[in-house]
N, C-alpha and C. Protein backbone atom coordinates (compact mmCIF):
# COMPACT_ATOMS: atom_id res chain seq x y z
N MET A 1 69.82 122.20 107.27
CA MET A 1 71.16 122.72 107.47
C MET A 1 72.13 121.94 106.60
N ILE A 2 72.98 122.64 105.90
CA ILE A 2 73.98 122.01 105.04
C ILE A 2 75.33 122.08 105.74
N ILE A 3 75.99 120.93 105.81
CA ILE A 3 77.32 120.88 106.41
C ILE A 3 78.35 120.81 105.28
N LYS A 4 79.24 121.74 105.28
CA LYS A 4 80.31 121.73 104.30
C LYS A 4 81.43 120.84 104.82
N GLU A 5 81.81 119.85 104.04
CA GLU A 5 82.79 118.86 104.47
C GLU A 5 84.13 119.48 104.88
N LYS A 6 84.55 120.52 104.20
CA LYS A 6 85.84 121.12 104.51
C LYS A 6 85.85 121.81 105.86
N THR A 7 84.70 122.30 106.30
CA THR A 7 84.66 123.01 107.56
C THR A 7 84.22 122.12 108.72
N ALA A 8 83.60 120.99 108.44
CA ALA A 8 83.16 120.10 109.50
C ALA A 8 84.35 119.35 110.08
N LYS A 9 84.41 119.27 111.38
CA LYS A 9 85.49 118.55 112.07
C LYS A 9 84.89 117.36 112.80
N TYR A 10 85.39 116.20 112.47
CA TYR A 10 84.93 114.98 113.13
C TYR A 10 86.10 114.39 113.90
N TYR A 11 85.86 114.05 115.15
CA TYR A 11 86.92 113.48 115.96
C TYR A 11 86.96 111.98 115.76
N ASN A 12 88.08 111.48 115.33
CA ASN A 12 88.29 110.06 115.15
C ASN A 12 89.49 109.68 116.02
N PRO A 13 89.26 108.98 117.13
CA PRO A 13 90.34 108.70 118.09
C PRO A 13 91.57 108.03 117.48
N ILE A 14 91.38 107.02 116.64
CA ILE A 14 92.54 106.31 116.11
C ILE A 14 93.34 107.19 115.15
N VAL A 15 92.65 108.01 114.39
CA VAL A 15 93.35 108.93 113.48
C VAL A 15 94.18 109.92 114.29
N GLU A 16 93.56 110.51 115.28
CA GLU A 16 94.24 111.52 116.10
C GLU A 16 95.38 110.91 116.92
N LYS A 17 95.12 109.78 117.58
CA LYS A 17 96.15 109.17 118.43
C LYS A 17 97.34 108.66 117.61
N SER A 18 97.07 108.08 116.45
CA SER A 18 98.18 107.58 115.63
C SER A 18 98.99 108.74 115.05
N PHE A 19 98.33 109.84 114.72
CA PHE A 19 99.06 111.01 114.23
C PHE A 19 99.94 111.60 115.33
N GLN A 20 99.36 111.79 116.51
CA GLN A 20 100.13 112.34 117.63
C GLN A 20 101.29 111.42 118.02
N PHE A 21 101.08 110.11 117.92
CA PHE A 21 102.15 109.15 118.20
C PHE A 21 103.27 109.32 117.18
N SER A 22 102.93 109.52 115.93
CA SER A 22 103.94 109.75 114.89
C SER A 22 104.78 110.99 115.19
N VAL A 23 104.11 112.03 115.63
CA VAL A 23 104.82 113.27 115.99
C VAL A 23 105.80 112.99 117.14
N ARG A 24 105.35 112.25 118.13
CA ARG A 24 106.21 111.91 119.27
C ARG A 24 107.41 111.08 118.83
N ILE A 25 107.18 110.13 117.94
CA ILE A 25 108.26 109.27 117.45
C ILE A 25 109.30 110.10 116.69
N ILE A 26 108.84 111.04 115.86
CA ILE A 26 109.77 111.90 115.12
C ILE A 26 110.62 112.73 116.09
N LYS A 27 109.97 113.32 117.08
CA LYS A 27 110.71 114.14 118.05
C LYS A 27 111.69 113.29 118.85
N PHE A 28 111.26 112.08 119.23
CA PHE A 28 112.12 111.15 119.97
C PHE A 28 113.33 110.76 119.11
N TYR A 29 113.09 110.47 117.85
CA TYR A 29 114.15 110.11 116.92
C TYR A 29 115.19 111.23 116.82
N ARG A 30 114.73 112.44 116.63
CA ARG A 30 115.65 113.58 116.51
C ARG A 30 116.48 113.77 117.77
N LEU A 31 115.85 113.62 118.93
CA LEU A 31 116.55 113.76 120.20
C LEU A 31 117.59 112.67 120.38
N LYS A 32 117.21 111.44 120.14
CA LYS A 32 118.11 110.30 120.35
C LYS A 32 119.23 110.28 119.34
N LEU A 33 118.95 110.74 118.14
CA LEU A 33 119.98 110.76 117.11
C LEU A 33 121.11 111.71 117.50
N ARG A 34 120.77 112.83 118.14
CA ARG A 34 121.79 113.76 118.61
C ARG A 34 122.67 113.12 119.68
N GLU A 35 122.07 112.27 120.52
CA GLU A 35 122.81 111.63 121.61
C GLU A 35 123.66 110.46 121.13
N ASN A 36 123.14 109.69 120.17
CA ASN A 36 123.79 108.45 119.74
C ASN A 36 123.70 108.27 118.24
N PHE A 37 124.44 109.06 117.50
CA PHE A 37 124.34 108.98 116.03
C PHE A 37 124.74 107.61 115.51
N ASP A 38 125.65 106.94 116.20
CA ASP A 38 126.09 105.62 115.76
C ASP A 38 124.97 104.57 115.81
N LEU A 39 123.89 104.86 116.52
CA LEU A 39 122.76 103.93 116.61
C LEU A 39 121.65 104.31 115.64
N ASN A 40 121.96 105.15 114.67
CA ASN A 40 120.97 105.60 113.70
C ASN A 40 120.19 104.46 113.05
N PRO A 41 120.82 103.35 112.65
CA PRO A 41 120.02 102.28 112.02
C PRO A 41 118.88 101.76 112.91
N LEU A 42 119.14 101.64 114.20
CA LEU A 42 118.09 101.18 115.11
C LEU A 42 117.00 102.23 115.27
N PHE A 43 117.40 103.48 115.46
CA PHE A 43 116.42 104.54 115.62
C PHE A 43 115.60 104.74 114.34
N LYS A 44 116.24 104.53 113.20
CA LYS A 44 115.53 104.70 111.93
C LYS A 44 114.45 103.63 111.77
N GLN A 45 114.70 102.43 112.27
CA GLN A 45 113.70 101.37 112.23
C GLN A 45 112.48 101.77 113.06
N LEU A 46 112.75 102.32 114.24
CA LEU A 46 111.67 102.80 115.11
C LEU A 46 110.90 103.92 114.42
N LEU A 47 111.62 104.84 113.81
CA LEU A 47 110.99 105.96 113.10
C LEU A 47 110.10 105.46 111.97
N ARG A 48 110.60 104.53 111.18
CA ARG A 48 109.85 104.01 110.04
C ARG A 48 108.57 103.31 110.50
N ALA A 49 108.71 102.41 111.47
CA ALA A 49 107.55 101.66 111.94
C ALA A 49 106.56 102.56 112.68
N GLY A 50 107.07 103.43 113.53
CA GLY A 50 106.21 104.28 114.35
C GLY A 50 105.40 105.29 113.56
N THR A 51 105.96 105.80 112.46
CA THR A 51 105.23 106.76 111.65
C THR A 51 104.33 106.07 110.62
N SER A 52 104.64 104.84 110.31
CA SER A 52 103.83 104.09 109.35
C SER A 52 102.44 103.77 109.90
N ILE A 53 102.34 103.68 111.21
CA ILE A 53 101.05 103.38 111.85
C ILE A 53 100.01 104.42 111.41
N GLY A 54 100.33 105.68 111.65
CA GLY A 54 99.40 106.76 111.31
C GLY A 54 99.16 106.91 109.82
N ALA A 55 100.21 106.67 109.03
CA ALA A 55 100.05 106.78 107.58
C ALA A 55 99.04 105.77 107.06
N ASN A 56 99.10 104.54 107.56
CA ASN A 56 98.15 103.50 107.12
C ASN A 56 96.76 103.73 107.68
N VAL A 57 96.67 104.24 108.90
CA VAL A 57 95.35 104.60 109.46
C VAL A 57 94.72 105.68 108.60
N SER A 58 95.51 106.67 108.24
CA SER A 58 95.01 107.75 107.40
C SER A 58 94.55 107.23 106.04
N GLU A 59 95.34 106.35 105.47
CA GLU A 59 94.98 105.77 104.17
C GLU A 59 93.70 104.94 104.28
N ALA A 60 93.51 104.26 105.39
CA ALA A 60 92.31 103.45 105.59
C ALA A 60 91.04 104.29 105.57
N GLN A 61 91.16 105.55 105.94
CA GLN A 61 89.99 106.42 105.97
C GLN A 61 89.41 106.66 104.59
N SER A 62 90.21 106.42 103.55
CA SER A 62 89.74 106.60 102.17
C SER A 62 89.57 105.28 101.44
N ALA A 63 89.48 104.19 102.19
CA ALA A 63 89.34 102.88 101.57
C ALA A 63 88.03 102.80 100.79
N PHE A 64 88.09 102.10 99.66
CA PHE A 64 86.90 101.95 98.81
C PHE A 64 86.00 100.81 99.26
N THR A 65 86.58 99.84 99.96
CA THR A 65 85.80 98.69 100.42
C THR A 65 86.11 98.41 101.88
N LYS A 66 85.23 97.66 102.51
CA LYS A 66 85.47 97.25 103.90
C LYS A 66 86.72 96.38 103.99
N LYS A 67 86.91 95.53 103.00
CA LYS A 67 88.09 94.66 102.98
C LYS A 67 89.38 95.48 102.92
N ASP A 68 89.38 96.51 102.10
CA ASP A 68 90.53 97.40 101.99
C ASP A 68 90.77 98.15 103.30
N PHE A 69 89.68 98.61 103.92
CA PHE A 69 89.75 99.30 105.22
C PHE A 69 90.40 98.40 106.26
N ILE A 70 89.92 97.17 106.36
CA ILE A 70 90.45 96.21 107.33
C ILE A 70 91.91 95.90 107.03
N ASN A 71 92.23 95.77 105.75
CA ASN A 71 93.61 95.48 105.36
C ASN A 71 94.57 96.59 105.78
N LYS A 72 94.19 97.84 105.53
CA LYS A 72 95.05 98.97 105.91
C LYS A 72 95.22 99.07 107.42
N LEU A 73 94.13 98.83 108.14
CA LEU A 73 94.25 98.85 109.61
C LEU A 73 95.07 97.67 110.10
N GLY A 74 95.00 96.55 109.38
CA GLY A 74 95.84 95.39 109.71
C GLY A 74 97.31 95.71 109.55
N ILE A 75 97.64 96.46 108.51
CA ILE A 75 99.03 96.89 108.31
C ILE A 75 99.45 97.82 109.46
N SER A 76 98.56 98.70 109.86
CA SER A 76 98.84 99.59 110.99
C SER A 76 99.08 98.79 112.26
N LEU A 77 98.30 97.75 112.46
CA LEU A 77 98.47 96.89 113.64
C LEU A 77 99.83 96.21 113.60
N LYS A 78 100.22 95.70 112.44
CA LYS A 78 101.54 95.07 112.31
C LYS A 78 102.66 96.06 112.59
N GLU A 79 102.52 97.28 112.09
CA GLU A 79 103.52 98.31 112.33
C GLU A 79 103.56 98.69 113.81
N SER A 80 102.42 98.66 114.47
CA SER A 80 102.37 98.94 115.91
C SER A 80 103.13 97.88 116.69
N LYS A 81 102.95 96.63 116.28
CA LYS A 81 103.67 95.53 116.94
C LYS A 81 105.17 95.63 116.69
N GLU A 82 105.54 96.04 115.48
CA GLU A 82 106.96 96.22 115.19
C GLU A 82 107.54 97.37 116.01
N THR A 83 106.79 98.45 116.14
CA THR A 83 107.22 99.58 116.96
C THR A 83 107.43 99.13 118.40
N GLU A 84 106.51 98.34 118.89
CA GLU A 84 106.62 97.79 120.24
C GLU A 84 107.91 96.98 120.39
N TYR A 85 108.23 96.19 119.38
CA TYR A 85 109.46 95.39 119.38
C TYR A 85 110.70 96.28 119.50
N TRP A 86 110.76 97.32 118.64
CA TRP A 86 111.94 98.19 118.65
C TRP A 86 112.08 98.91 119.98
N LEU A 87 110.96 99.34 120.55
CA LEU A 87 111.01 99.99 121.86
C LEU A 87 111.55 99.05 122.93
N LYS A 88 111.07 97.80 122.93
CA LYS A 88 111.56 96.81 123.90
C LYS A 88 113.04 96.54 123.71
N LEU A 89 113.46 96.42 122.47
CA LEU A 89 114.87 96.15 122.16
C LEU A 89 115.75 97.30 122.65
N LEU A 90 115.34 98.52 122.37
CA LEU A 90 116.12 99.68 122.81
C LEU A 90 116.18 99.78 124.33
N LYS A 91 115.09 99.44 125.00
CA LYS A 91 115.07 99.47 126.47
C LYS A 91 115.96 98.38 127.05
N GLU A 92 115.81 97.17 126.57
CA GLU A 92 116.59 96.04 127.10
C GLU A 92 118.08 96.17 126.79
N SER A 93 118.41 96.95 125.77
CA SER A 93 119.81 97.19 125.41
C SER A 93 120.37 98.41 126.13
N ASP A 94 119.59 98.97 127.04
CA ASP A 94 119.98 100.16 127.81
C ASP A 94 120.30 101.36 126.93
N ILE A 95 119.59 101.47 125.82
CA ILE A 95 119.77 102.61 124.92
C ILE A 95 118.77 103.71 125.26
N ILE A 96 117.59 103.32 125.71
CA ILE A 96 116.61 104.30 126.17
C ILE A 96 116.27 103.99 127.62
N SER A 97 115.84 104.99 128.33
CA SER A 97 115.52 104.82 129.75
C SER A 97 114.16 104.14 129.94
N GLU A 98 113.94 103.67 131.12
CA GLU A 98 112.66 103.06 131.49
C GLU A 98 111.53 104.07 131.31
N LYS A 99 111.78 105.30 131.71
CA LYS A 99 110.78 106.36 131.60
C LYS A 99 110.42 106.62 130.14
N GLU A 100 111.42 106.71 129.28
CA GLU A 100 111.17 106.92 127.84
C GLU A 100 110.40 105.74 127.27
N PHE A 101 110.82 104.54 127.65
CA PHE A 101 110.16 103.34 127.16
C PHE A 101 108.69 103.32 127.56
N LEU A 102 108.43 103.52 128.85
CA LEU A 102 107.05 103.45 129.33
C LEU A 102 106.15 104.48 128.67
N SER A 103 106.66 105.67 128.50
CA SER A 103 105.87 106.73 127.89
C SER A 103 105.44 106.36 126.47
N LEU A 104 106.39 105.93 125.64
CA LEU A 104 106.08 105.57 124.26
C LEU A 104 105.34 104.24 124.18
N SER A 105 105.74 103.30 125.01
CA SER A 105 105.13 101.97 124.99
C SER A 105 103.65 102.01 125.39
N ASN A 106 103.32 102.82 126.37
CA ASN A 106 101.92 102.94 126.79
C ASN A 106 101.05 103.49 125.66
N ASP A 107 101.56 104.49 124.96
CA ASP A 107 100.82 105.04 123.82
C ASP A 107 100.68 104.01 122.71
N CYS A 108 101.75 103.27 122.46
CA CYS A 108 101.74 102.25 121.42
C CYS A 108 100.73 101.15 121.78
N GLU A 109 100.72 100.75 123.03
CA GLU A 109 99.78 99.71 123.49
C GLU A 109 98.33 100.17 123.34
N GLU A 110 98.08 101.43 123.63
CA GLU A 110 96.74 101.99 123.47
C GLU A 110 96.30 101.92 122.00
N ILE A 111 97.22 102.25 121.10
CA ILE A 111 96.93 102.19 119.67
C ILE A 111 96.68 100.75 119.24
N ILE A 112 97.46 99.82 119.74
CA ILE A 112 97.26 98.39 119.42
C ILE A 112 95.87 97.94 119.85
N LYS A 113 95.45 98.32 121.04
CA LYS A 113 94.13 97.94 121.53
C LYS A 113 93.02 98.56 120.69
N LEU A 114 93.17 99.82 120.33
CA LEU A 114 92.16 100.48 119.49
C LEU A 114 92.07 99.81 118.12
N LEU A 115 93.22 99.57 117.50
CA LEU A 115 93.23 98.94 116.18
C LEU A 115 92.62 97.54 116.23
N THR A 116 92.97 96.77 117.23
CA THR A 116 92.44 95.42 117.38
C THR A 116 90.92 95.46 117.50
N SER A 117 90.42 96.38 118.30
CA SER A 117 88.98 96.52 118.50
C SER A 117 88.27 96.93 117.21
N ILE A 118 88.83 97.90 116.50
CA ILE A 118 88.23 98.37 115.26
C ILE A 118 88.21 97.26 114.20
N ILE A 119 89.31 96.54 114.10
CA ILE A 119 89.39 95.46 113.12
C ILE A 119 88.37 94.36 113.45
N LYS A 120 88.31 93.97 114.71
CA LYS A 120 87.35 92.93 115.11
C LYS A 120 85.92 93.35 114.84
N SER A 121 85.57 94.56 115.22
CA SER A 121 84.19 95.01 115.02
C SER A 121 83.88 95.20 113.54
N SER A 122 84.85 95.60 112.75
CA SER A 122 84.62 95.77 111.31
C SER A 122 84.41 94.43 110.62
N LYS A 123 85.04 93.39 111.12
CA LYS A 123 84.86 92.06 110.54
C LYS A 123 83.49 91.48 110.89
N GLU A 124 82.92 91.90 112.01
CA GLU A 124 81.63 91.37 112.46
C GLU A 124 80.45 91.99 111.69
N ILE A 125 80.64 93.18 111.19
CA ILE A 125 79.54 93.90 110.53
C ILE A 125 79.23 93.28 109.19
């Protein structure tokens, strides 16, 4: 049996979760920007960091070497930590609600755990 790459679908949790998280961050940014345009610089930081996670995960999928793969996922991990920072800052500054924070923060934490696990196991191989 021959599998054509274009038609074959492979589920990769970190690729899917980081992409869906990016979509959520974009929607959250658009919503919050309408409510508080004067806070655009803060929201833009969250947007940049939150969408960069998935972009680097996606780029890692085409890495030529294991070192490059680990490096790209490492950048994604750093961006995840930065996203976590901006979410905490917005929550503690009473700019976003506890409910909004928990929803996004839980997803971000899940991505951090996945990335950490993938990076550790890739270094062991």
